[in-house]
N, C-alpha and C. Protein backbone atom coordinates (compact mmCIF):
# COMPACT_ATOMS: atom_id res chain seq x y z
N MET A 1 126.66 135.37 137.07
CA MET A 1 125.95 134.12 137.34
C MET A 1 124.48 134.23 136.90
N PHE A 2 123.88 135.39 137.23
CA PHE A 2 122.48 135.63 136.87
C PHE A 2 122.31 135.63 135.35
N GLN A 3 123.25 136.31 134.67
CA GLN A 3 123.18 136.38 133.21
C GLN A 3 123.35 134.99 132.60
N LYS A 4 124.23 134.20 133.20
CA LYS A 4 124.46 132.85 132.70
C LYS A 4 123.21 132.00 132.85
N SER A 5 122.51 132.18 133.99
CA SER A 5 121.28 131.43 134.24
C SER A 5 120.20 131.80 133.22
N ILE A 6 120.09 133.12 132.93
CA ILE A 6 119.12 133.57 131.93
C ILE A 6 119.44 132.97 130.56
N ALA A 7 120.72 132.98 130.22
CA ALA A 7 121.15 132.44 128.93
C ALA A 7 120.81 130.95 128.82
N MET A 8 121.02 130.22 129.90
CA MET A 8 120.73 128.79 129.90
C MET A 8 119.22 128.54 129.72
N ARG A 9 118.41 129.39 130.35
CA ARG A 9 116.96 129.24 130.22
C ARG A 9 116.50 129.50 128.79
N PHE A 10 117.07 130.54 128.18
CA PHE A 10 116.73 130.83 126.79
C PHE A 10 117.16 129.69 125.87
N PHE A 11 118.33 129.12 126.16
CA PHE A 11 118.83 128.00 125.35
C PHE A 11 117.90 126.79 125.47
N ALA A 12 117.47 126.50 126.70
CA ALA A 12 116.57 125.37 126.93
C ALA A 12 115.24 125.58 126.23
N LEU A 13 114.73 126.83 126.29
CA LEU A 13 113.47 127.15 125.63
C LEU A 13 113.58 126.99 124.12
N ALA A 14 114.69 127.50 123.57
CA ALA A 14 114.91 127.41 122.13
C ALA A 14 115.02 125.95 121.70
N LEU A 15 115.74 125.15 122.50
CA LEU A 15 115.90 123.74 122.18
C LEU A 15 114.55 123.02 122.21
N GLY A 16 113.73 123.39 123.20
CA GLY A 16 112.41 122.79 123.30
C GLY A 16 111.55 123.10 122.10
N LEU A 17 111.61 124.34 121.64
CA LEU A 17 110.82 124.73 120.47
C LEU A 17 111.28 123.98 119.23
N VAL A 18 112.58 123.79 119.09
CA VAL A 18 113.12 123.05 117.95
C VAL A 18 112.63 121.61 117.97
N LEU A 19 112.65 121.00 119.17
CA LEU A 19 112.21 119.61 119.29
C LEU A 19 110.73 119.46 118.97
N VAL A 20 109.92 120.40 119.47
CA VAL A 20 108.49 120.37 119.19
C VAL A 20 108.23 120.51 117.70
N SER A 21 108.95 121.44 117.06
CA SER A 21 108.79 121.64 115.62
C SER A 21 109.19 120.40 114.85
N SER A 22 110.27 119.75 115.29
CA SER A 22 110.74 118.54 114.62
C SER A 22 109.73 117.41 114.75
N LEU A 23 109.15 117.28 115.95
CA LEU A 23 108.16 116.23 116.16
C LEU A 23 106.92 116.48 115.33
N ALA A 24 106.50 117.73 115.23
CA ALA A 24 105.32 118.07 114.43
C ALA A 24 105.56 117.74 112.97
N ALA A 25 106.78 118.07 112.50
CA ALA A 25 107.12 117.78 111.10
C ALA A 25 107.12 116.29 110.86
N ALA A 26 107.63 115.53 111.85
CA ALA A 26 107.68 114.08 111.71
C ALA A 26 106.28 113.48 111.70
N ASP A 27 105.37 114.07 112.50
CA ASP A 27 104.01 113.56 112.57
C ASP A 27 103.29 113.73 111.24
N THR A 28 103.41 114.91 110.64
CA THR A 28 102.71 115.15 109.38
C THR A 28 103.41 114.45 108.22
N ASP A 29 104.74 114.45 108.20
CA ASP A 29 105.53 113.72 107.20
C ASP A 29 105.04 113.98 105.77
N GLY A 30 104.71 115.22 105.48
CA GLY A 30 104.29 115.57 104.14
C GLY A 30 102.80 115.44 103.88
N PHE A 31 102.04 114.96 104.86
CA PHE A 31 100.59 114.81 104.70
C PHE A 31 99.88 116.13 104.98
N THR A 32 98.80 116.37 104.26
CA THR A 32 97.95 117.54 104.50
C THR A 32 96.52 117.06 104.68
N PRO A 33 95.70 117.80 105.44
CA PRO A 33 94.32 117.36 105.68
C PRO A 33 93.49 117.34 104.40
N LEU A 34 92.75 116.27 104.22
CA LEU A 34 91.77 116.20 103.14
C LEU A 34 90.41 116.68 103.65
N PHE A 35 90.18 116.46 104.94
CA PHE A 35 88.97 116.90 105.64
C PHE A 35 89.41 117.81 106.77
N ASN A 36 88.83 119.02 106.85
CA ASN A 36 89.31 120.01 107.83
C ASN A 36 88.78 119.81 109.24
N GLY A 37 87.92 118.82 109.43
CA GLY A 37 87.41 118.53 110.77
C GLY A 37 86.28 119.43 111.22
N LYS A 38 85.89 120.40 110.39
CA LYS A 38 84.87 121.38 110.77
C LYS A 38 83.63 121.34 109.88
N ASN A 39 83.86 121.16 108.58
CA ASN A 39 82.74 121.15 107.63
C ASN A 39 83.17 120.40 106.38
N MET A 40 82.31 120.36 105.38
CA MET A 40 82.59 119.58 104.17
C MET A 40 83.19 120.45 103.06
N GLU A 41 83.86 121.50 103.44
CA GLU A 41 84.54 122.35 102.47
C GLU A 41 85.56 121.54 101.68
N GLY A 42 85.58 121.73 100.36
CA GLY A 42 86.52 121.00 99.51
C GLY A 42 85.93 119.75 98.88
N PHE A 43 84.66 119.46 99.22
CA PHE A 43 84.00 118.27 98.68
C PHE A 43 82.76 118.64 97.87
N LYS A 44 82.42 117.78 96.92
CA LYS A 44 81.18 117.86 96.18
C LYS A 44 80.34 116.63 96.52
N PHE A 45 79.09 116.62 96.05
CA PHE A 45 78.17 115.54 96.42
C PHE A 45 77.41 115.04 95.19
N PHE A 46 77.21 113.73 95.16
CA PHE A 46 76.39 113.15 94.09
C PHE A 46 75.41 112.17 94.72
N PHE A 47 74.11 112.40 94.46
CA PHE A 47 73.06 111.53 94.98
C PHE A 47 72.49 110.65 93.88
N ASP A 48 72.07 109.47 94.28
CA ASP A 48 71.37 108.58 93.36
C ASP A 48 70.18 109.34 92.76
N PRO A 49 70.04 109.33 91.43
CA PRO A 49 68.89 110.02 90.81
C PRO A 49 67.54 109.54 91.34
N LYS A 50 67.51 108.33 91.92
CA LYS A 50 66.28 107.79 92.48
C LYS A 50 66.03 108.29 93.91
N ALA A 51 67.00 109.00 94.47
CA ALA A 51 66.86 109.50 95.84
C ALA A 51 65.79 110.59 95.90
N PRO A 52 65.21 110.83 97.07
CA PRO A 52 64.22 111.91 97.20
C PRO A 52 64.77 113.24 96.69
N LYS A 53 63.93 114.02 96.07
CA LYS A 53 64.35 115.28 95.46
C LYS A 53 64.90 116.27 96.49
N ASP A 54 64.46 116.14 97.73
CA ASP A 54 64.91 117.06 98.77
C ASP A 54 66.11 116.52 99.56
N SER A 55 66.82 115.53 98.99
CA SER A 55 68.00 114.98 99.67
C SER A 55 69.00 116.09 99.94
N ASP A 56 69.53 116.10 101.15
CA ASP A 56 70.38 117.20 101.62
C ASP A 56 71.71 116.64 102.11
N PRO A 57 72.84 117.08 101.52
CA PRO A 57 74.14 116.59 102.00
C PRO A 57 74.33 116.74 103.50
N ALA A 58 73.79 117.83 104.07
CA ALA A 58 73.96 118.08 105.50
C ALA A 58 73.22 117.07 106.37
N LYS A 59 72.28 116.34 105.77
CA LYS A 59 71.55 115.32 106.52
C LYS A 59 72.14 113.93 106.30
N THR A 60 72.87 113.76 105.20
CA THR A 60 73.52 112.48 104.94
C THR A 60 74.89 112.41 105.58
N TRP A 61 75.60 113.55 105.59
CA TRP A 61 76.94 113.62 106.19
C TRP A 61 76.94 114.71 107.25
N ILE A 62 77.01 114.32 108.49
CA ILE A 62 76.95 115.25 109.62
C ILE A 62 78.34 115.36 110.24
N VAL A 63 78.87 116.57 110.33
CA VAL A 63 80.19 116.78 110.93
C VAL A 63 80.01 117.04 112.42
N LYS A 64 80.63 116.18 113.23
CA LYS A 64 80.53 116.30 114.68
C LYS A 64 81.80 115.78 115.34
N ASP A 65 82.35 116.55 116.27
CA ASP A 65 83.56 116.15 117.00
C ASP A 65 84.69 115.78 116.05
N ALA A 66 84.89 116.60 115.01
CA ALA A 66 85.97 116.44 114.03
C ALA A 66 85.86 115.14 113.23
N ALA A 67 84.65 114.60 113.14
CA ALA A 67 84.42 113.40 112.35
C ALA A 67 83.22 113.61 111.42
N ILE A 68 83.19 112.84 110.33
CA ILE A 68 82.06 112.84 109.42
C ILE A 68 81.20 111.63 109.76
N ILE A 69 79.97 111.88 110.15
CA ILE A 69 79.02 110.81 110.43
C ILE A 69 78.14 110.63 109.20
N CYS A 70 78.36 109.54 108.50
CA CYS A 70 77.57 109.24 107.30
C CYS A 70 76.38 108.38 107.72
N THR A 71 75.17 108.84 107.44
CA THR A 71 73.98 108.10 107.85
C THR A 71 73.73 106.87 106.99
N GLY A 72 74.32 106.87 105.77
CA GLY A 72 74.11 105.75 104.86
C GLY A 72 72.88 105.88 103.98
N LYS A 73 72.12 106.94 104.17
CA LYS A 73 70.88 107.13 103.41
C LYS A 73 70.79 108.57 102.90
N PRO A 74 70.39 108.71 101.62
CA PRO A 74 70.21 107.68 100.59
C PRO A 74 71.56 107.28 99.98
N GLN A 75 71.52 106.45 98.94
CA GLN A 75 72.76 106.11 98.25
C GLN A 75 73.34 107.36 97.60
N ALA A 76 74.61 107.59 97.86
CA ALA A 76 75.26 108.81 97.38
C ALA A 76 76.75 108.68 97.65
N PHE A 77 77.50 109.68 97.23
CA PHE A 77 78.91 109.75 97.63
C PHE A 77 79.35 111.20 97.64
N PHE A 78 80.29 111.51 98.52
CA PHE A 78 80.94 112.82 98.46
C PHE A 78 82.33 112.60 97.89
N TYR A 79 82.84 113.61 97.19
CA TYR A 79 84.12 113.44 96.51
C TYR A 79 84.87 114.76 96.46
N THR A 80 86.17 114.67 96.29
CA THR A 80 87.02 115.86 96.32
C THR A 80 86.79 116.73 95.09
N GLU A 81 86.90 118.04 95.31
CA GLU A 81 86.81 118.97 94.19
C GLU A 81 88.00 118.80 93.26
N LYS A 82 89.12 118.39 93.81
CA LYS A 82 90.35 118.22 93.04
C LYS A 82 90.50 116.79 92.55
N SER A 83 91.25 116.64 91.47
CA SER A 83 91.64 115.33 90.97
C SER A 83 93.06 115.04 91.46
N TYR A 84 93.33 113.79 91.82
CA TYR A 84 94.64 113.44 92.37
C TYR A 84 95.27 112.29 91.59
N LYS A 85 96.60 112.31 91.56
CA LYS A 85 97.38 111.25 90.93
C LYS A 85 98.66 111.05 91.72
N ASN A 86 99.06 109.79 91.89
CA ASN A 86 100.33 109.47 92.55
C ASN A 86 100.35 110.01 93.99
N TYR A 87 99.65 109.34 94.88
CA TYR A 87 99.46 109.87 96.23
C TYR A 87 99.23 108.74 97.24
N VAL A 88 99.23 109.13 98.50
CA VAL A 88 98.84 108.25 99.61
C VAL A 88 97.73 108.95 100.38
N ILE A 89 96.66 108.24 100.68
CA ILE A 89 95.60 108.78 101.52
C ILE A 89 95.45 107.91 102.75
N THR A 90 95.27 108.53 103.90
CA THR A 90 95.02 107.79 105.14
C THR A 90 93.76 108.34 105.79
N TYR A 91 93.02 107.47 106.44
CA TYR A 91 91.82 107.91 107.17
C TYR A 91 91.45 106.86 108.21
N GLU A 92 90.76 107.32 109.23
CA GLU A 92 90.24 106.42 110.25
C GLU A 92 88.74 106.25 110.04
N TRP A 93 88.22 105.10 110.38
CA TRP A 93 86.81 104.79 110.17
C TRP A 93 86.31 103.84 111.26
N ARG A 94 85.01 103.86 111.46
CA ARG A 94 84.39 102.90 112.37
C ARG A 94 82.91 102.79 112.05
N TYR A 95 82.36 101.63 112.30
CA TYR A 95 80.92 101.44 112.31
C TYR A 95 80.47 101.48 113.76
N PRO A 96 79.27 101.99 114.04
CA PRO A 96 78.80 102.06 115.42
C PRO A 96 78.77 100.68 116.08
N GLU A 97 78.98 100.65 117.37
CA GLU A 97 78.92 99.40 118.12
C GLU A 97 77.57 98.72 117.88
N GLY A 98 77.61 97.42 117.63
CA GLY A 98 76.39 96.68 117.36
C GLY A 98 76.03 96.57 115.89
N SER A 99 76.81 97.20 115.01
CA SER A 99 76.55 97.13 113.57
C SER A 99 76.79 95.71 113.05
N ALA A 100 76.11 95.36 111.97
CA ALA A 100 76.29 94.04 111.35
C ALA A 100 77.60 93.99 110.57
N GLU A 101 78.18 92.80 110.44
CA GLU A 101 79.45 92.66 109.71
C GLU A 101 79.31 93.01 108.24
N LYS A 102 78.09 92.93 107.72
CA LYS A 102 77.87 93.28 106.31
C LYS A 102 77.69 94.78 106.11
N SER A 103 77.82 95.57 107.18
CA SER A 103 77.71 97.03 107.06
C SER A 103 78.63 97.52 105.95
N ASN A 104 78.12 98.42 105.12
CA ASN A 104 78.78 98.69 103.85
C ASN A 104 79.03 100.18 103.60
N SER A 105 80.17 100.44 103.00
CA SER A 105 80.57 101.75 102.49
C SER A 105 81.78 101.49 101.60
N GLY A 106 82.49 102.52 101.23
CA GLY A 106 83.69 102.32 100.45
C GLY A 106 84.36 103.63 100.09
N CYS A 107 85.65 103.54 99.84
CA CYS A 107 86.41 104.66 99.32
C CYS A 107 86.49 104.50 97.81
N LEU A 108 86.31 105.56 97.07
CA LEU A 108 86.37 105.53 95.61
C LEU A 108 87.57 106.34 95.15
N VAL A 109 88.49 105.72 94.43
CA VAL A 109 89.64 106.45 93.91
C VAL A 109 89.62 106.42 92.38
N HIS A 110 90.25 107.41 91.77
CA HIS A 110 90.30 107.53 90.31
C HIS A 110 88.89 107.59 89.71
N ILE A 111 88.01 108.40 90.32
CA ILE A 111 86.64 108.52 89.83
C ILE A 111 86.63 109.14 88.43
N GLN A 112 85.84 108.53 87.54
CA GLN A 112 85.75 108.99 86.15
C GLN A 112 84.34 109.51 85.84
N GLU A 113 84.27 110.43 84.90
CA GLU A 113 82.98 110.90 84.38
C GLU A 113 82.43 109.84 83.41
N PRO A 114 81.11 109.76 83.23
CA PRO A 114 80.08 110.55 83.92
C PRO A 114 79.81 109.99 85.31
N LEU A 115 79.41 110.88 86.21
CA LEU A 115 79.09 110.44 87.56
C LEU A 115 77.76 109.69 87.57
N LYS A 116 77.72 108.63 88.36
CA LYS A 116 76.51 107.83 88.52
C LYS A 116 76.67 106.99 89.78
N ILE A 117 75.66 106.19 90.11
CA ILE A 117 75.73 105.24 91.21
C ILE A 117 75.90 103.86 90.60
N TRP A 118 77.10 103.32 90.52
CA TRP A 118 78.37 103.89 91.00
C TRP A 118 79.26 104.19 89.80
N PRO A 119 80.15 105.21 89.90
CA PRO A 119 80.94 105.61 88.74
C PRO A 119 82.08 104.63 88.44
N LYS A 120 82.61 104.76 87.25
CA LYS A 120 83.81 104.02 86.90
C LYS A 120 84.95 104.50 87.80
N CYS A 121 85.56 103.57 88.52
CA CYS A 121 86.59 103.93 89.49
C CYS A 121 87.17 102.65 90.09
N ILE A 122 88.06 102.80 91.04
CA ILE A 122 88.53 101.69 91.85
C ILE A 122 87.97 101.88 93.25
N GLU A 123 87.35 100.85 93.79
CA GLU A 123 86.82 100.94 95.15
C GLU A 123 87.60 100.05 96.10
N PRO A 124 88.45 100.63 96.94
CA PRO A 124 88.95 99.87 98.09
C PRO A 124 87.76 99.69 99.04
N GLN A 125 87.28 98.48 99.12
CA GLN A 125 86.03 98.18 99.82
C GLN A 125 86.01 98.74 101.23
N GLY A 126 84.84 99.27 101.61
CA GLY A 126 84.67 99.79 102.96
C GLY A 126 83.80 98.90 103.82
N ARG A 127 83.27 97.83 103.23
CA ARG A 127 82.45 96.89 103.99
C ARG A 127 83.31 96.27 105.09
N TYR A 128 82.70 96.03 106.23
CA TYR A 128 83.49 95.62 107.40
C TYR A 128 84.26 94.32 107.15
N TYR A 129 83.59 93.27 106.70
CA TYR A 129 84.23 91.95 106.69
C TYR A 129 85.25 91.75 105.56
N ASP A 130 85.21 92.58 104.52
CA ASP A 130 86.25 92.49 103.48
C ASP A 130 86.84 93.87 103.17
N HIS A 131 86.99 94.65 104.23
CA HIS A 131 87.49 96.02 104.10
C HIS A 131 88.86 96.03 103.40
N GLY A 132 88.97 96.91 102.41
CA GLY A 132 90.24 97.06 101.70
C GLY A 132 90.35 96.26 100.42
N LYS A 133 89.49 95.28 100.22
CA LYS A 133 89.51 94.49 98.99
C LYS A 133 89.22 95.40 97.80
N LEU A 134 89.97 95.23 96.72
CA LEU A 134 89.82 96.12 95.57
C LEU A 134 88.71 95.66 94.64
N PHE A 135 87.75 96.55 94.40
CA PHE A 135 86.69 96.30 93.43
C PHE A 135 86.90 97.25 92.25
N MET A 136 86.93 96.68 91.05
CA MET A 136 87.16 97.46 89.84
C MET A 136 85.82 97.83 89.22
N MET A 137 85.35 99.02 89.51
CA MET A 137 84.01 99.44 89.09
C MET A 137 84.02 99.89 87.63
N GLY A 138 83.29 99.16 86.79
CA GLY A 138 83.17 99.54 85.39
C GLY A 138 84.37 99.21 84.54
N LEU A 139 85.27 98.37 85.04
CA LEU A 139 86.47 98.00 84.29
C LEU A 139 86.36 96.57 83.77
N GLY A 140 87.01 96.31 82.63
CA GLY A 140 87.05 94.97 82.08
C GLY A 140 88.20 94.15 82.64
N LYS A 141 88.20 92.85 82.36
CA LYS A 141 89.25 91.96 82.88
C LYS A 141 90.63 92.39 82.42
N ASP A 142 90.73 92.90 81.20
CA ASP A 142 92.03 93.31 80.67
C ASP A 142 92.53 94.60 81.30
N ASP A 143 91.68 95.28 82.06
CA ASP A 143 92.06 96.55 82.68
C ASP A 143 92.65 96.36 84.07
N VAL A 144 92.70 95.10 84.53
CA VAL A 144 93.14 94.81 85.90
C VAL A 144 94.18 93.69 85.89
N LYS A 145 95.23 93.85 86.71
CA LYS A 145 96.26 92.81 86.82
C LYS A 145 96.64 92.61 88.29
N ASN A 146 97.00 91.36 88.60
CA ASN A 146 97.58 91.02 89.91
C ASN A 146 96.75 91.53 91.09
N ASN A 147 95.45 91.34 91.01
CA ASN A 147 94.56 91.78 92.08
C ASN A 147 94.58 90.75 93.22
N LYS A 148 95.08 91.15 94.39
CA LYS A 148 95.25 90.22 95.51
C LYS A 148 94.58 90.77 96.76
N PHE A 149 94.06 89.85 97.59
CA PHE A 149 93.38 90.23 98.83
C PHE A 149 93.72 89.21 99.91
N ASP A 150 94.22 89.69 101.05
CA ASP A 150 94.62 88.83 102.16
C ASP A 150 93.55 88.87 103.25
N GLU A 151 92.57 87.99 103.14
CA GLU A 151 91.45 87.97 104.07
C GLU A 151 91.88 87.60 105.49
N ALA A 152 92.81 86.66 105.60
CA ALA A 152 93.25 86.20 106.92
C ALA A 152 93.91 87.33 107.71
N THR A 153 94.76 88.10 107.03
CA THR A 153 95.42 89.22 107.72
C THR A 153 94.40 90.27 108.13
N LEU A 154 93.43 90.54 107.25
CA LEU A 154 92.40 91.53 107.59
C LEU A 154 91.67 91.12 108.87
N LYS A 155 91.28 89.86 108.96
CA LYS A 155 90.55 89.39 110.14
C LYS A 155 91.38 89.55 111.41
N SER A 156 92.70 89.44 111.27
CA SER A 156 93.57 89.51 112.45
C SER A 156 93.79 90.94 112.94
N VAL A 157 93.54 91.94 112.08
CA VAL A 157 93.84 93.33 112.46
C VAL A 157 92.61 94.21 112.62
N LEU A 158 91.45 93.76 112.15
CA LEU A 158 90.24 94.58 112.26
C LEU A 158 89.88 94.86 113.71
N LYS A 159 89.57 96.11 114.00
CA LYS A 159 89.11 96.47 115.34
C LYS A 159 87.61 96.12 115.46
N PRO A 160 87.14 95.86 116.67
CA PRO A 160 85.72 95.56 116.87
C PRO A 160 84.84 96.75 116.48
N MET A 161 83.58 96.47 116.22
CA MET A 161 82.62 97.53 115.93
C MET A 161 82.65 98.57 117.05
N GLY A 162 82.60 99.82 116.66
CA GLY A 162 82.63 100.90 117.64
C GLY A 162 84.02 101.46 117.89
N GLN A 163 85.06 100.75 117.42
CA GLN A 163 86.43 101.23 117.59
C GLN A 163 86.99 101.69 116.24
N TRP A 164 87.93 102.63 116.31
CA TRP A 164 88.50 103.21 115.10
C TRP A 164 89.57 102.30 114.50
N SER A 165 89.49 102.09 113.19
CA SER A 165 90.55 101.45 112.42
C SER A 165 91.13 102.48 111.47
N LYS A 166 92.33 102.22 110.98
CA LYS A 166 92.99 103.15 110.06
C LYS A 166 93.31 102.46 108.74
N THR A 167 92.93 103.10 107.65
CA THR A 167 93.20 102.59 106.31
C THR A 167 94.17 103.52 105.59
N GLU A 168 95.12 102.92 104.89
CA GLU A 168 96.09 103.66 104.08
C GLU A 168 96.03 103.12 102.65
N ILE A 169 95.82 104.01 101.70
CA ILE A 169 95.73 103.62 100.29
C ILE A 169 96.80 104.36 99.50
N THR A 170 97.67 103.62 98.85
CA THR A 170 98.71 104.21 98.01
C THR A 170 98.35 104.00 96.55
N CYS A 171 98.18 105.09 95.83
CA CYS A 171 97.86 105.05 94.40
C CYS A 171 99.06 105.58 93.63
N SER A 172 99.83 104.69 93.05
CA SER A 172 101.03 105.09 92.31
C SER A 172 100.67 105.60 90.92
N GLY A 173 101.56 106.39 90.37
CA GLY A 173 101.32 106.98 89.06
C GLY A 173 101.24 105.97 87.94
N ASP A 174 101.75 104.74 88.18
CA ASP A 174 101.73 103.71 87.15
C ASP A 174 100.47 102.84 87.20
N GLY A 175 99.54 103.19 88.10
CA GLY A 175 98.29 102.44 88.19
C GLY A 175 98.24 101.40 89.30
N LYS A 176 99.33 101.21 90.02
CA LYS A 176 99.33 100.24 91.12
C LYS A 176 98.66 100.84 92.35
N ILE A 177 97.86 100.03 93.02
CA ILE A 177 97.17 100.44 94.25
C ILE A 177 97.49 99.45 95.36
N VAL A 178 97.86 99.97 96.52
CA VAL A 178 98.18 99.14 97.68
C VAL A 178 97.34 99.62 98.86
N VAL A 179 96.71 98.69 99.56
CA VAL A 179 95.86 99.04 100.70
C VAL A 179 96.37 98.37 101.97
N LYS A 180 96.52 99.18 103.01
CA LYS A 180 96.88 98.66 104.33
C LYS A 180 95.77 99.02 105.32
N VAL A 181 95.50 98.12 106.24
CA VAL A 181 94.54 98.37 107.32
C VAL A 181 95.26 98.16 108.64
N ASN A 182 95.23 99.17 109.47
CA ASN A 182 95.92 99.14 110.76
C ASN A 182 97.38 98.70 110.61
N GLY A 183 98.01 99.22 109.54
CA GLY A 183 99.44 99.02 109.33
C GLY A 183 99.82 97.76 108.59
N LYS A 184 98.87 96.89 108.24
CA LYS A 184 99.18 95.62 107.59
C LYS A 184 98.67 95.61 106.14
N LEU A 185 99.48 95.04 105.25
CA LEU A 185 99.12 94.94 103.84
C LEU A 185 97.90 94.01 103.69
N ILE A 186 96.86 94.53 103.04
CA ILE A 186 95.63 93.77 102.87
C ILE A 186 95.36 93.43 101.40
N SER A 187 95.61 94.38 100.51
CA SER A 187 95.33 94.12 99.10
C SER A 187 96.22 94.97 98.21
N GLU A 188 96.33 94.54 96.97
CA GLU A 188 97.07 95.30 95.97
C GLU A 188 96.62 94.86 94.58
N GLY A 189 96.83 95.74 93.61
CA GLY A 189 96.47 95.43 92.25
C GLY A 189 96.96 96.51 91.30
N GLU A 190 96.84 96.25 90.00
CA GLU A 190 97.27 97.20 88.99
C GLU A 190 96.12 97.45 88.02
N THR A 191 95.89 98.72 87.69
CA THR A 191 94.77 99.07 86.81
C THR A 191 95.21 100.09 85.76
N VAL A 192 94.33 100.30 84.79
CA VAL A 192 94.63 101.28 83.74
C VAL A 192 94.30 102.70 84.21
N LEU A 193 93.54 102.83 85.30
CA LEU A 193 93.21 104.16 85.82
C LEU A 193 94.34 104.67 86.70
N THR A 194 94.67 105.94 86.56
CA THR A 194 95.79 106.49 87.33
C THR A 194 95.47 107.80 88.04
N SER A 195 94.31 108.39 87.77
CA SER A 195 94.01 109.68 88.40
C SER A 195 92.50 109.92 88.45
N GLY A 196 92.12 110.87 89.29
CA GLY A 196 90.72 111.25 89.41
C GLY A 196 90.42 111.71 90.83
N PRO A 197 89.23 112.24 91.06
CA PRO A 197 88.82 112.62 92.41
C PRO A 197 88.74 111.40 93.34
N ILE A 198 88.69 111.68 94.64
CA ILE A 198 88.58 110.65 95.67
C ILE A 198 87.23 110.81 96.36
N GLY A 199 86.51 109.72 96.56
CA GLY A 199 85.19 109.82 97.16
C GLY A 199 84.94 108.78 98.24
N PHE A 200 83.84 108.96 98.98
CA PHE A 200 83.43 108.02 100.02
C PHE A 200 81.93 107.80 99.91
N GLN A 201 81.51 106.54 99.98
CA GLN A 201 80.13 106.17 99.73
C GLN A 201 79.21 106.31 100.94
N SER A 202 77.97 106.66 100.64
CA SER A 202 76.84 106.46 101.54
C SER A 202 76.09 105.29 100.94
N GLU A 203 76.12 104.13 101.62
CA GLU A 203 75.62 102.92 100.97
C GLU A 203 74.78 102.05 101.92
N GLY A 204 73.91 102.70 102.68
CA GLY A 204 72.95 101.95 103.47
C GLY A 204 73.31 101.73 104.93
N SER A 205 74.56 102.03 105.32
CA SER A 205 74.99 101.79 106.70
C SER A 205 75.60 103.05 107.29
N GLU A 206 75.37 103.27 108.57
CA GLU A 206 76.03 104.39 109.23
C GLU A 206 77.51 104.06 109.42
N ILE A 207 78.37 105.00 109.05
CA ILE A 207 79.81 104.85 109.21
C ILE A 207 80.39 106.22 109.53
N HIS A 208 81.47 106.23 110.30
CA HIS A 208 82.11 107.48 110.71
C HIS A 208 83.51 107.53 110.11
N PHE A 209 83.94 108.73 109.69
CA PHE A 209 85.28 108.96 109.17
C PHE A 209 85.93 110.12 109.92
N ARG A 210 87.24 110.05 110.09
CA ARG A 210 87.97 111.18 110.66
C ARG A 210 89.44 111.08 110.25
N ASN A 211 90.19 112.15 110.55
CA ASN A 211 91.63 112.19 110.29
C ASN A 211 91.98 111.76 108.86
N MET A 212 91.32 112.39 107.90
CA MET A 212 91.62 112.13 106.49
C MET A 212 92.80 112.99 106.05
N HIS A 213 93.86 112.36 105.57
CA HIS A 213 95.04 113.09 105.13
C HIS A 213 95.54 112.54 103.80
N ILE A 214 96.21 113.38 103.05
CA ILE A 214 96.74 112.98 101.75
C ILE A 214 98.16 113.51 101.58
N LYS A 215 98.97 112.73 100.87
CA LYS A 215 100.34 113.15 100.57
C LYS A 215 100.64 112.85 99.11
N GLN A 216 101.09 113.85 98.39
CA GLN A 216 101.51 113.64 97.01
C GLN A 216 102.88 112.96 97.00
N LEU A 217 103.03 111.95 96.15
CA LEU A 217 104.30 111.24 96.04
C LEU A 217 105.17 111.92 94.98
N PRO A 218 106.48 111.77 95.10
CA PRO A 218 107.40 112.41 94.13
C PRO A 218 107.16 111.90 92.71
């Protein structure tokens, strides 16, 4: 009886470990951290040439409580050391409570050389009132197709200032980009750009980022 009880306990423990492992796998679902929550390892920085000569990344982007606090000053962006193609990126963001609706930032995908303020790329807008709208930076009209933005849906899902919202950007290998905010489709479009580093702007407003993850698509 004693041996049977021990065996049952081991079985229950093993089953619990399997369930925990399964849940963890389901949570990540192929995603890996883009930001490690501790420092800016894996990122590079580009400052506006007009910015003060002593501009310091550590003063523009402060890592605290597993989040990146972007001061918004000076104009600049941080971007991944790696170039990406055919992927999904997710991240949470918020502007401090009391911020203006015109508070501005943005995610930059498919960044192209030469680097400048602002580089040729696609910007899923980070400004509060039109967050997720696709801006084609440095592209001509013939380089963009079927660019759509659902402002009404965005207004219905945006969290108030001071609360975290979640953005998901899918960049397909064929140039299609789809943006969701808090689980709802907000914008989509097709472009000639299909790959490049991923960046986030410092553009005059304080904004916080956390839980940045990326998944390569098949």
